[in-house]
C-alpha atoms as a PDB file:
ATOM      1  CA  MET A   1       0.000   0.000   0.000  1.00  0.00           C
ATOM      2  CA  LYS A   2       2.813   2.372   0.879  1.00  0.00           C
ATOM      3  CA  ARG A   3       4.477   1.729  -2.481  1.00  0.00           C
ATOM      4  CA  LEU A   4       1.181   2.327  -4.308  1.00  0.00           C
ATOM      5  CA  ALA A   5       0.713   5.608  -2.480  1.00  0.00           C
ATOM      6  CA  ILE A   6       4.204   6.730  -3.508  1.00  0.00           C
ATOM      7  CA  LEU A   7       3.504   5.867  -7.151  1.00  0.00           C
ATOM      8  CA  LEU A   8       0.213   7.764  -7.106  1.00  0.00           C
ATOM      9  CA  LEU A   9       1.895  10.789  -5.562  1.00  0.00           C
ATOM     10  CA  ALA A  10       4.617  10.688  -8.229  1.00  0.00           C
ATOM     11  CA  ALA A  11       1.983  10.530 -10.964  1.00  0.00           C
ATOM     12  CA  LEU A  12       0.179  13.543  -9.517  1.00  0.00           C
ATOM     13  CA  VAL A  13       3.424  15.503  -9.615  1.00  0.00           C
ATOM     14  CA  LEU A  14       4.750  14.309 -12.985  1.00  0.00           C
ATOM     15  CA  VAL A  15       1.586  14.546 -15.108  1.00  0.00           C
ATOM     16  CA  PRO A  16       1.031  18.292 -14.553  1.00  0.00           C
ATOM     17  CA  ALA A  17       4.751  18.873 -15.002  1.00  0.00           C
ATOM     18  CA  ALA A  18       4.718  17.018 -18.324  1.00  0.00           C
ATOM     19  CA  ALA A  19       1.647  18.954 -19.431  1.00  0.00           C
ATOM     20  CA  ASP A  20       3.343  22.247 -18.544  1.00  0.00           C
ATOM     21  CA  ALA A  21       6.450  21.203 -20.450  1.00  0.00           C
ATOM     22  CA  ALA A  22       4.343  20.313 -23.509  1.00  0.00           C
ATOM     23  CA  LYS A  23       2.616  23.695 -23.370  1.00  0.00           C
ATOM     24  CA  LYS A  24       5.957  25.496 -23.128  1.00  0.00           C
ATOM     25  CA  HIS A  25       7.282  23.482 -26.086  1.00  0.00           C
ATOM     26  CA  LYS A  26       4.179  24.309 -28.125  1.00  0.00           C
ATOM     27  CA  ARG A  27       4.520  28.011 -27.287  1.00  0.00           C
ATOM     28  CA  ALA A  28       8.195  27.892 -28.244  1.00  0.00           C
ATOM     29  CA  ARG A  29       7.405  26.277 -31.595  1.00  0.00           C
ATOM     30  CA  ARG A  30       4.711  28.866 -32.249  1.00  0.00           C
ATOM     31  CA  THR A  31       7.122  31.660 -31.409  1.00  0.00           C
ATOM     32  CA  VAL A  32       9.684  30.331 -33.869  1.00  0.00           C
ATOM     33  CA  ARG A  33       7.050  29.835 -36.567  1.00  0.00           C
ATOM     34  CA  ASP A  34       5.537  33.293 -36.140  1.00  0.00           C
ATOM     35  CA  ARG A  35       8.851  35.155 -36.069  1.00  0.00           C
ATOM     36  CA  PRO A  36       8.998  37.700 -38.936  1.00  0.00           C
ATOM     37  CA  VAL A  37      11.302  36.744 -41.786  1.00  0.00           C
ATOM     38  CA  ALA A  38      13.628  39.399 -43.196  1.00  0.00           C
ATOM     39  CA  VAL A  39      13.098  40.216 -46.865  1.00  0.00           C
ATOM     40  CA  TYR A  40      16.797  39.973 -47.696  1.00  0.00           C
ATOM     41  CA  THR A  41      19.752  37.868 -46.725  1.00  0.00           C
ATOM     42  CA  ARG A  42      22.995  39.572 -45.709  1.00  0.00           C
ATOM     43  CA  GLY A  43      24.122  39.157 -49.292  1.00  0.00           C
ATOM     44  CA  GLY A  44      21.132  41.130 -50.592  1.00  0.00           C
ATOM     45  CA  LEU A  45      19.259  38.192 -52.086  1.00  0.00           C
ATOM     46  CA  PRO A  46      15.611  37.351 -51.309  1.00  0.00           C
ATOM     47  CA  ASN A  47      15.452  35.418 -48.039  1.00  0.00           C
ATOM     48  CA  ILE A  48      13.764  32.328 -49.482  1.00  0.00           C
ATOM     49  CA  GLN A  49      12.783  29.807 -46.808  1.00  0.00           C
ATOM     50  CA  ALA A  50      11.826  26.908 -49.102  1.00  0.00           C
ATOM     51  CA  GLN A  51      14.351  24.103 -49.411  1.00  0.00           C
ATOM     52  CA  ALA A  52      14.647  24.563 -53.173  1.00  0.00           C
ATOM     53  CA  ALA A  53      13.514  27.357 -55.463  1.00  0.00           C
ATOM     54  CA  VAL A  54      13.909  29.108 -58.787  1.00  0.00           C
ATOM     55  CA  VAL A  55      12.696  32.424 -60.213  1.00  0.00           C
ATOM     56  CA  VAL A  56      12.614  32.773 -64.007  1.00  0.00           C
ATOM     57  CA  ASP A  57      12.011  35.825 -66.182  1.00  0.00           C
ATOM     58  CA  LEU A  58       9.331  34.622 -68.594  1.00  0.00           C
ATOM     59  CA  ASP A  59      10.096  37.201 -71.263  1.00  0.00           C
ATOM     60  CA  GLY A  60      13.777  36.443 -71.702  1.00  0.00           C
ATOM     61  CA  GLY A  61      13.977  33.009 -70.071  1.00  0.00           C
ATOM     62  CA  LYS A  62      16.765  34.191 -67.743  1.00  0.00           C
ATOM     63  CA  GLU A  63      16.933  32.676 -64.266  1.00  0.00           C
ATOM     64  CA  LEU A  64      16.941  35.493 -61.744  1.00  0.00           C
ATOM     65  CA  PHE A  65      17.322  33.398 -58.595  1.00  0.00           C
ATOM     66  CA  GLN A  66      18.231  29.808 -57.765  1.00  0.00           C
ATOM     67  CA  LYS A  67      18.343  27.799 -54.568  1.00  0.00           C
ATOM     68  CA  ASN A  68      19.102  24.113 -55.094  1.00  0.00           C
ATOM     69  CA  PRO A  69      17.408  24.417 -58.510  1.00  0.00           C
ATOM     70  CA  ASP A  70      18.295  20.889 -59.637  1.00  0.00           C
ATOM     71  CA  GLU A  71      17.461  19.102 -56.384  1.00  0.00           C
ATOM     72  CA  VAL A  72      14.938  16.323 -57.038  1.00  0.00           C
ATOM     73  CA  ARG A  73      12.102  16.594 -54.527  1.00  0.00           C
ATOM     74  CA  PRO A  74       8.491  15.428 -54.110  1.00  0.00           C
ATOM     75  CA  ILE A  75       6.117  17.946 -55.690  1.00  0.00           C
ATOM     76  CA  ALA A  76       2.756  16.787 -54.277  1.00  0.00           C
ATOM     77  CA  SER A  77      -0.283  18.332 -56.007  1.00  0.00           C
ATOM     78  CA  ILE A  78       1.768  20.425 -58.407  1.00  0.00           C
ATOM     79  CA  SER A  79       1.557  17.100 -60.288  1.00  0.00           C
ATOM     80  CA  LYS A  80      -2.041  17.986 -61.144  1.00  0.00           C
ATOM     81  CA  LEU A  81      -0.800  20.517 -63.714  1.00  0.00           C
ATOM     82  CA  MET A  82       0.677  17.649 -65.709  1.00  0.00           C
ATOM     83  CA  ALA A  83      -2.407  15.478 -65.121  1.00  0.00           C
ATOM     84  CA  MET A  84      -4.736  18.157 -66.455  1.00  0.00           C
ATOM     85  CA  MET A  85      -2.513  18.795 -69.487  1.00  0.00           C
ATOM     86  CA  VAL A  86      -2.826  15.085 -70.277  1.00  0.00           C
ATOM     87  CA  VAL A  87      -6.623  15.194 -69.897  1.00  0.00           C
ATOM     88  CA  LEU A  88      -7.021  18.297 -72.051  1.00  0.00           C
ATOM     89  CA  ASP A  89      -4.659  16.901 -74.690  1.00  0.00           C
ATOM     90  CA  ARG A  90      -7.306  14.185 -75.152  1.00  0.00           C
ATOM     91  CA  LYS A  91     -10.052  16.706 -75.951  1.00  0.00           C
ATOM     92  CA  LEU A  92     -11.995  16.520 -72.686  1.00  0.00           C
ATOM     93  CA  ASP A  93     -15.674  17.377 -73.234  1.00  0.00           C
ATOM     94  CA  LEU A  94     -16.224  20.052 -70.597  1.00  0.00           C
ATOM     95  CA  ASP A  95     -20.013  19.775 -70.657  1.00  0.00           C
ATOM     96  CA  SER A  96     -20.231  15.991 -70.343  1.00  0.00           C
ATOM     97  CA  ILE A  97     -21.185  14.484 -66.993  1.00  0.00           C
ATOM     98  CA  THR A  98     -18.910  12.242 -64.922  1.00  0.00           C
ATOM     99  CA  GLU A  99     -19.905  10.361 -61.786  1.00  0.00           C
ATOM    100  CA  VAL A 100     -17.587  10.207 -58.768  1.00  0.00           C
ATOM    101  CA  LEU A 101     -16.973   6.515 -58.042  1.00  0.00           C
ATOM    102  CA  ASP A 102     -15.798   4.618 -54.989  1.00  0.00           C
ATOM    103  CA  SER A 103     -12.570   3.855 -56.854  1.00  0.00           C
ATOM    104  CA  ASP A 104     -11.905   7.612 -56.917  1.00  0.00           C
ATOM    105  CA  ARG A 105     -12.414   7.698 -53.154  1.00  0.00           C
ATOM    106  CA  LEU A 106      -9.987   4.843 -52.638  1.00  0.00           C
ATOM    107  CA  LEU A 107      -7.280   6.450 -54.766  1.00  0.00           C
ATOM    108  CA  ALA A 108      -7.650   9.744 -52.881  1.00  0.00           C
ATOM    109  CA  ARG A 109      -8.032   8.342 -49.370  1.00  0.00           C
ATOM    110  CA  ARG A 110      -4.536   9.364 -48.214  1.00  0.00           C
ATOM    111  CA  GLY A 111      -5.098  12.996 -49.143  1.00  0.00           C
ATOM    112  CA  ALA A 112      -7.101  15.916 -47.807  1.00  0.00           C
ATOM    113  CA  ARG A 113     -10.855  15.554 -47.365  1.00  0.00           C
ATOM    114  CA  SER A 114     -12.747  15.634 -50.652  1.00  0.00           C
ATOM    115  CA  ARG A 115     -15.960  17.573 -51.139  1.00  0.00           C
ATOM    116  CA  LEU A 116     -17.050  15.368 -54.025  1.00  0.00           C
ATOM    117  CA  PRO A 117     -19.308  12.617 -52.626  1.00  0.00           C
ATOM    118  CA  VAL A 118     -19.302   9.174 -54.169  1.00  0.00           C
ATOM    119  CA  GLY A 119     -22.296   8.787 -56.447  1.00  0.00           C
ATOM    120  CA  ALA A 120     -22.591  12.500 -57.228  1.00  0.00           C
ATOM    121  CA  LYS A 121     -22.341  13.621 -60.849  1.00  0.00           C
ATOM    122  CA  PHE A 122     -20.684  16.802 -62.077  1.00  0.00           C
ATOM    123  CA  THR A 123     -19.770  18.340 -65.388  1.00  0.00           C
ATOM    124  CA  ASN A 124     -16.156  17.845 -66.357  1.00  0.00           C
ATOM    125  CA  ARG A 125     -15.798  21.617 -66.244  1.00  0.00           C
ATOM    126  CA  ASP A 126     -16.694  21.546 -62.532  1.00  0.00           C
ATOM    127  CA  LEU A 127     -14.319  18.654 -61.893  1.00  0.00           C
ATOM    128  CA  LEU A 128     -11.505  20.504 -63.660  1.00  0.00           C
ATOM    129  CA  HIS A 129     -12.021  23.465 -61.318  1.00  0.00           C
ATOM    130  CA  ALA A 130     -12.101  21.124 -58.316  1.00  0.00           C
ATOM    131  CA  ALA A 131      -8.787  19.537 -59.314  1.00  0.00           C
ATOM    132  CA  LEU A 132      -6.883  22.702 -60.188  1.00  0.00           C
ATOM    133  CA  MET A 133      -8.281  25.267 -57.747  1.00  0.00           C
ATOM    134  CA  ALA A 134      -9.022  23.185 -54.670  1.00  0.00           C
ATOM    135  CA  SER A 135      -6.697  20.247 -55.368  1.00  0.00           C
ATOM    136  CA  ASP A 136      -9.557  17.787 -54.878  1.00  0.00           C
ATOM    137  CA  ASN A 137      -7.967  14.385 -55.398  1.00  0.00           C
ATOM    138  CA  ARG A 138     -11.177  12.567 -56.335  1.00  0.00           C
ATOM    139  CA  ALA A 139     -11.633  14.856 -59.327  1.00  0.00           C
ATOM    140  CA  VAL A 140      -8.382  13.697 -60.943  1.00  0.00           C
ATOM    141  CA  PRO A 141      -9.148   9.997 -61.612  1.00  0.00           C
ATOM    142  CA  ALA A 142     -12.723  10.958 -62.499  1.00  0.00           C
ATOM    143  CA  LEU A 143     -11.406  13.252 -65.249  1.00  0.00           C
ATOM    144  CA  GLY A 144      -8.988  10.578 -66.394  1.00  0.00           C
ATOM    145  CA  ARG A 145     -11.896   8.171 -66.745  1.00  0.00           C
ATOM    146  CA  ALA A 146     -13.763  10.815 -68.779  1.00  0.00           C
ATOM    147  CA  VAL A 147     -11.057  10.600 -71.465  1.00  0.00           C
ATOM    148  CA  GLY A 148     -10.626   6.816 -71.231  1.00  0.00           C
ATOM    149  CA  LEU A 149      -7.625   6.674 -68.878  1.00  0.00           C
ATOM    150  CA  ASP A 150      -7.552   4.625 -65.688  1.00  0.00           C
ATOM    151  CA  PRO A 151      -5.025   5.795 -63.023  1.00  0.00           C
ATOM    152  CA  PRO A 152      -2.092   3.637 -64.288  1.00  0.00           C
ATOM    153  CA  ALA A 153      -2.683   4.766 -67.886  1.00  0.00           C
ATOM    154  CA  MET A 154      -3.033   8.365 -66.773  1.00  0.00           C
ATOM    155  CA  THR A 155       0.246   8.132 -64.841  1.00  0.00           C
ATOM    156  CA  ALA A 156       1.975   6.634 -67.889  1.00  0.00           C
ATOM    157  CA  ALA A 157       0.644   9.465 -70.049  1.00  0.00           C
ATOM    158  CA  MET A 158       1.968  12.029 -67.550  1.00  0.00           C
ATOM    159  CA  ASN A 159       5.431  10.451 -67.671  1.00  0.00           C
ATOM    160  CA  GLN A 160       5.298  10.420 -71.456  1.00  0.00           C
ATOM    161  CA  LYS A 161       4.324  14.109 -71.458  1.00  0.00           C
ATOM    162  CA  ALA A 162       7.259  14.898 -69.171  1.00  0.00           C
ATOM    163  CA  THR A 163       9.577  13.155 -71.628  1.00  0.00           C
ATOM    164  CA  GLN A 164       8.096  15.124 -74.529  1.00  0.00           C
ATOM    165  CA  LEU A 165       8.783  18.351 -72.624  1.00  0.00           C
ATOM    166  CA  GLY A 166      12.407  17.319 -72.137  1.00  0.00           C
ATOM    167  CA  LEU A 167      12.114  16.875 -68.369  1.00  0.00           C
ATOM    168  CA  LYS A 168      14.789  14.373 -67.387  1.00  0.00           C
ATOM    169  CA  SER A 169      14.351  14.577 -63.601  1.00  0.00           C
ATOM    170  CA  THR A 170      10.539  14.592 -63.479  1.00  0.00           C
ATOM    171  CA  SER A 171       8.546  11.404 -62.867  1.00  0.00           C
ATOM    172  CA  PHE A 172       5.118  10.421 -61.606  1.00  0.00           C
ATOM    173  CA  GLY A 173       3.830   7.471 -59.603  1.00  0.00           C
ATOM    174  CA  ASP A 174       0.166   8.481 -59.575  1.00  0.00           C
ATOM    175  CA  PRO A 175      -2.005  11.218 -61.125  1.00  0.00           C
ATOM    176  CA  THR A 176      -2.900  13.092 -57.917  1.00  0.00           C
ATOM    177  CA  GLY A 177       0.476  13.864 -56.342  1.00  0.00           C
ATOM    178  CA  LEU A 178      -0.105  11.764 -53.230  1.00  0.00           C
ATOM    179  CA  ASP A 179       2.539   9.249 -54.321  1.00  0.00           C
ATOM    180  CA  GLU A 180       6.046  10.100 -53.105  1.00  0.00           C
ATOM    181  CA  ARG A 181       7.391   9.043 -56.508  1.00  0.00           C
ATOM    182  CA  ASN A 182       5.921  12.235 -57.993  1.00  0.00           C
ATOM    183  CA  ARG A 183       9.189  14.153 -58.128  1.00  0.00           C
ATOM    184  CA  SER A 184      10.821  16.979 -59.998  1.00  0.00           C
ATOM    185  CA  THR A 185      13.222  19.895 -59.564  1.00  0.00           C
ATOM    186  CA  PRO A 186      12.432  23.611 -59.270  1.00  0.00           C
ATOM    187  CA  ARG A 187      13.917  24.161 -62.735  1.00  0.00           C
ATOM    188  CA  GLU A 188      11.793  21.464 -64.362  1.00  0.00           C
ATOM    189  CA  VAL A 189       8.626  22.447 -62.481  1.00  0.00           C
ATOM    190  CA  ALA A 190       9.090  25.964 -63.887  1.00  0.00           C
ATOM    191  CA  LYS A 191       9.274  24.443 -67.378  1.00  0.00           C
ATOM    192  CA  PHE A 192       6.093  22.399 -67.110  1.00  0.00           C
ATOM    193  CA  LEU A 193       4.315  25.226 -65.297  1.00  0.00           C
ATOM    194  CA  THR A 194       5.072  27.408 -68.313  1.00  0.00           C
ATOM    195  CA  ALA A 195       3.809  24.676 -70.643  1.00  0.00           C
ATOM    196  CA  ALA A 196       0.631  24.223 -68.593  1.00  0.00           C
ATOM    197  CA  LEU A 197      -0.169  27.935 -68.590  1.00  0.00           C
ATOM    198  CA  LYS A 198       0.014  27.996 -72.382  1.00  0.00           C
ATOM    199  CA  VAL A 199      -3.210  25.969 -72.180  1.00  0.00           C
ATOM    200  CA  PRO A 200      -5.759  28.810 -71.838  1.00  0.00           C
ATOM    201  CA  LEU A 201      -8.217  26.832 -69.703  1.00  0.00           C
ATOM    202  CA  ILE A 202      -5.558  25.858 -67.130  1.00  0.00           C
ATOM    203  CA  SER A 203      -4.364  29.453 -66.875  1.00  0.00           C
ATOM    204  CA  GLU A 204      -7.937  30.734 -66.564  1.00  0.00           C
ATOM    205  CA  ILE A 205      -8.939  28.282 -63.843  1.00  0.00           C
ATOM    206  CA  THR A 206      -5.803  28.470 -61.707  1.00  0.00           C
ATOM    207  CA  ARG A 207      -5.952  32.243 -61.390  1.00  0.00           C
ATOM    208  CA  LYS A 208      -9.565  32.320 -60.193  1.00  0.00           C
ATOM    209  CA  SER A 209     -10.204  33.045 -56.528  1.00  0.00           C
ATOM    210  CA  HIS A 210     -13.596  31.307 -56.163  1.00  0.00           C
ATOM    211  CA  TYR A 211     -15.801  28.897 -58.078  1.00  0.00           C
ATOM    212  CA  VAL A 212     -19.162  27.204 -57.445  1.00  0.00           C
ATOM    213  CA  ALA A 213     -19.778  23.654 -58.714  1.00  0.00           C
ATOM    214  CA  HIS A 214     -23.238  22.062 -58.982  1.00  0.00           C
ATOM    215  CA  SER A 215     -24.027  18.379 -59.093  1.00  0.00           C
ATOM    216  CA  VAL A 216     -26.484  17.236 -61.743  1.00  0.00           C
ATOM    217  CA  GLY A 217     -29.181  14.594 -61.602  1.00  0.00           C
ATOM    218  CA  GLY A 218     -30.033  12.592 -58.516  1.00  0.00           C
ATOM    219  CA  LYS A 219     -32.458  13.454 -55.756  1.00  0.00           C
ATOM    220  CA  ARG A 220     -30.214  16.027 -54.099  1.00  0.00           C
ATOM    221  CA  ASN A 221     -28.603  18.961 -55.876  1.00  0.00           C
ATOM    222  CA  ARG A 222     -25.218  19.542 -54.272  1.00  0.00           C
ATOM    223  CA  VAL A 223     -23.577  22.948 -54.376  1.00  0.00           C
ATOM    224  CA  VAL A 224     -19.833  22.982 -53.708  1.00  0.00           C
ATOM    225  CA  GLU A 225     -18.051  26.309 -53.278  1.00  0.00           C
ATOM    226  CA  TYR A 226     -14.332  26.193 -53.945  1.00  0.00           C
ATOM    227  CA  THR A 227     -11.685  28.692 -52.900  1.00  0.00           C
ATOM    228  CA  ASN A 228      -8.299  28.693 -54.598  1.00  0.00           C
ATOM    229  CA  THR A 229      -5.602  27.165 -52.407  1.00  0.00           C
ATOM    230  CA  ASP A 230      -3.202  29.796 -53.791  1.00  0.00           C
ATOM    231  CA  VAL A 231      -3.378  32.791 -51.441  1.00  0.00           C
ATOM    232  CA  ILE A 232      -1.680  35.044 -54.015  1.00  0.00           C
ATOM    233  CA  ALA A 233      -4.339  34.232 -56.624  1.00  0.00           C
ATOM    234  CA  ARG A 234      -7.114  34.898 -54.097  1.00  0.00           C
ATOM    235  CA  GLY A 235      -6.081  38.486 -53.693  1.00  0.00           C
ATOM    236  CA  SER A 236      -2.857  40.430 -54.071  1.00  0.00           C
ATOM    237  CA  ARG A 237      -1.577  43.435 -55.959  1.00  0.00           C
ATOM    238  CA  TYR A 238       0.071  41.148 -58.488  1.00  0.00           C
ATOM    239  CA  ASP A 239      -1.573  39.897 -61.673  1.00  0.00           C
ATOM    240  CA  VAL A 240      -1.391  36.128 -61.286  1.00  0.00           C
ATOM    241  CA  LEU A 241      -1.115  34.242 -64.574  1.00  0.00           C
ATOM    242  CA  GLY A 242      -1.764  30.863 -62.965  1.00  0.00           C
ATOM    243  CA  GLY A 243      -0.129  28.183 -60.856  1.00  0.00           C
ATOM    244  CA  LYS A 244      -0.627  25.372 -58.360  1.00  0.00           C
ATOM    245  CA  THR A 245       0.005  24.647 -54.707  1.00  0.00           C
ATOM    246  CA  GLY A 246       0.974  21.300 -53.227  1.00  0.00           C
ATOM    247  CA  TYR A 247       1.436  19.623 -49.868  1.00  0.00           C
ATOM    248  CA  THR A 248       2.242  16.231 -48.411  1.00  0.00           C
ATOM    249  CA  ASP A 249       4.150  15.432 -45.240  1.00  0.00           C
ATOM    250  CA  LEU A 250       7.128  14.374 -47.339  1.00  0.00           C
ATOM    251  CA  ALA A 251       7.026  17.218 -49.873  1.00  0.00           C
ATOM    252  CA  GLY A 252       6.290  20.003 -47.403  1.00  0.00           C
ATOM    253  CA  TYR A 253       4.474  23.085 -48.665  1.00  0.00           C
ATOM    254  CA  CYS A 254       5.053  23.809 -52.350  1.00  0.00           C
ATOM    255  CA  LEU A 255       4.073  26.504 -54.821  1.00  0.00           C
ATOM    256  CA  ALA A 256       4.483  26.955 -58.568  1.00  0.00           C
ATOM    257  CA  ILE A 257       3.199  30.318 -59.754  1.00  0.00           C
ATOM    258  CA  ALA A 258       3.533  32.735 -62.644  1.00  0.00           C
ATOM    259  CA  ALA A 259       2.690  36.405 -62.249  1.00  0.00           C
ATOM    260  CA  ARG A 260       3.010  39.802 -63.863  1.00  0.00           C
ATOM    261  CA  LEU A 261       4.775  41.937 -61.259  1.00  0.00           C
ATOM    262  CA  ASP A 262       4.532  45.201 -63.187  1.00  0.00           C
ATOM    263  CA  LYS A 263       4.082  46.349 -66.764  1.00  0.00           C
ATOM    264  CA  THR A 264       7.437  44.941 -67.841  1.00  0.00           C
ATOM    265  CA  ARG A 265       8.182  41.887 -65.692  1.00  0.00           C
ATOM    266  CA  GLN A 266       6.535  38.481 -65.981  1.00  0.00           C
ATOM    267  CA  VAL A 267       8.085  35.753 -63.863  1.00  0.00           C
ATOM    268  CA  ALA A 268       7.606  32.122 -62.922  1.00  0.00           C
ATOM    269  CA  MET A 269       8.490  31.125 -59.362  1.00  0.00           C
ATOM    270  CA  VAL A 270       8.765  27.652 -57.864  1.00  0.00           C
ATOM    271  CA  PHE A 271       9.189  26.971 -54.145  1.00  0.00           C
ATOM    272  CA  LEU A 272       9.526  23.383 -52.921  1.00  0.00           C
ATOM    273  CA  GLY A 273       9.763  22.054 -49.365  1.00  0.00           C
ATOM    274  CA  ALA A 274       8.687  25.038 -47.262  1.00  0.00           C
ATOM    275  CA  HIS A 275       8.012  24.179 -43.617  1.00  0.00           C
ATOM    276  CA  GLY A 276       5.063  26.510 -42.996  1.00  0.00           C
ATOM    277  CA  LYS A 277       1.749  26.678 -44.841  1.00  0.00           C
ATOM    278  CA  LEU A 278       2.084  30.401 -45.528  1.00  0.00           C
ATOM    279  CA  THR A 279       5.873  30.392 -45.959  1.00  0.00           C
ATOM    280  CA  ARG A 280       5.680  29.630 -49.692  1.00  0.00           C
ATOM    281  CA  PHE A 281       3.494  32.709 -50.203  1.00  0.00           C
ATOM    282  CA  GLY A 282       5.892  34.753 -48.091  1.00  0.00           C
ATOM    283  CA  ASP A 283       8.706  33.494 -50.337  1.00  0.00           C
ATOM    284  CA  PHE A 284       6.780  34.755 -53.369  1.00  0.00           C
ATOM    285  CA  THR A 285       6.292  38.167 -51.782  1.00  0.00           C
ATOM    286  CA  ARG A 286       9.953  38.448 -50.773  1.00  0.00           C
ATOM    287  CA  ALA A 287      11.089  37.480 -54.273  1.00  0.00           C
ATOM    288  CA  ALA A 288       8.658  39.943 -55.842  1.00  0.00           C
ATOM    289  CA  GLN A 289       9.907  42.759 -53.594  1.00  0.00           C
ATOM    290  CA  TRP A 290      13.511  41.876 -54.445  1.00  0.00           C
ATOM    291  CA  ILE A 291      12.730  42.070 -58.169  1.00  0.00           C
ATOM    292  CA  ALA A 292      10.937  45.409 -57.771  1.00  0.00           C
ATOM    293  CA  GLU A 293      13.697  46.980 -55.679  1.00  0.00           C
ATOM    294  CA  LYS A 294      16.888  45.377 -57.038  1.00  0.00           C
ATOM    295  CA  LYS A 295      15.711  44.872 -60.638  1.00  0.00           C
ATOM    296  CA  PRO A 296      17.865  41.785 -61.284  1.00  0.00           C
ATOM    297  CA  GLY A 297      18.626  41.012 -64.921  1.00  0.00           C
ATOM    298  CA  GLU A 298      17.388  44.310 -66.317  1.00  0.00           C
ATOM    299  CA  ALA A 299      20.819  45.598 -67.335  1.00  0.00           C
ATOM    300  CA  THR A 300      21.547  42.330 -69.170  1.00  0.00           C
ATOM    301  CA  THR A 301      18.175  42.486 -70.914  1.00  0.00           C
ATOM    302  CA  ALA A 302      18.701  46.119 -71.957  1.00  0.00           C
ATOM    303  CA  THR A 303      22.168  45.342 -73.358  1.00  0.00           C
ATOM    304  CA  ARG A 304      20.831  42.383 -75.341  1.00  0.00           C
ATOM    305  CA  ALA A 305      18.008  44.523 -76.753  1.00  0.00           C
ATOM    306  CA  LEU A 306      20.526  47.059 -78.096  1.00  0.00           C
END
C-alpha cells in the first residue's frame, strides 16, 4: 500500500509537469514559426525559406534566382498541372457528366478531405475546377476516366508528357500527387508550369479566386463552393497568370506560380519544401519585392536589346 501511495503521488506531480512542459514546447514552436522573416539575406538576395527554389524571367527566359534548382524533390499536387494537361490533350468534353466513383475515393483516401461525394455527378468543367483550384484528389481519376484513362494509364501518359517536354528529372507514380514518386526539380517544375499555362483553360482556372460547382441529376442537388488554395491568386496586388500549390508530409508546402509583377516583368516562381503553410506565399512576396527593388537582370536584358 505504501508503495502504491508513492507511485500515485509521483503521478500527480509528474503529469502536470509534463503537461506544462508540452505547453511550453508548443509556445516555443509557435514563437519560432511566427517570427517575422527578413526580406533579404545579408548578401542582398531574397530570403527564401523553401528548401529549393527558382525564379525565371518569362520574357527572356533568364533565371533570376536559384536555390538548389536541380534538387529532385516530391512535388505533391503540383503534379495535377501535368495530369490536367494530359486530360485536355485528349479533348476533354467540358459539358459531359462524370460520376464520382468509390474507386476515386480509394485512390484519394490518403489525401485531404474531398468535397465530391461518391455517387454524385458533375460536369467535367466543374471537376476541372475542383482539381486545379481546390486540389480535390477525387476529381483527378474521375477526369482521367472521362477521357478513357484509368489511373495507371493516366500516370503513364503524364510520364510520357514529361519526356516530350524534355524533363529528365521529373517522374510520376500516380495522377494526384499523393505518391512520393511524384518528383521533380524547381527548374523542371518551372518548365512544365510554363507549358501548362500555355493551355488557356488551365491558366484561366488556376488564377480564379472562387468557383461554385453544382451536381447534376439525382435526388439532391449539391452545391460545392471552392476557394483557390493559392493565397496570391485569391487576392494580391500582383496579376497572377496561374499556378498550383501542393502539400504532403514528405514534400512540405510547395508553390508553382507565374505572375506579372509590373508592366514589364513576368516571372515564374517555384518553391519546394517550405516548412510553414504560408511560408511559400511569403517566399513569393519576398522574391517579388527583391525584383521590384533590385531589378535583377534588367541591365543584361537592356544590353541584349541594343
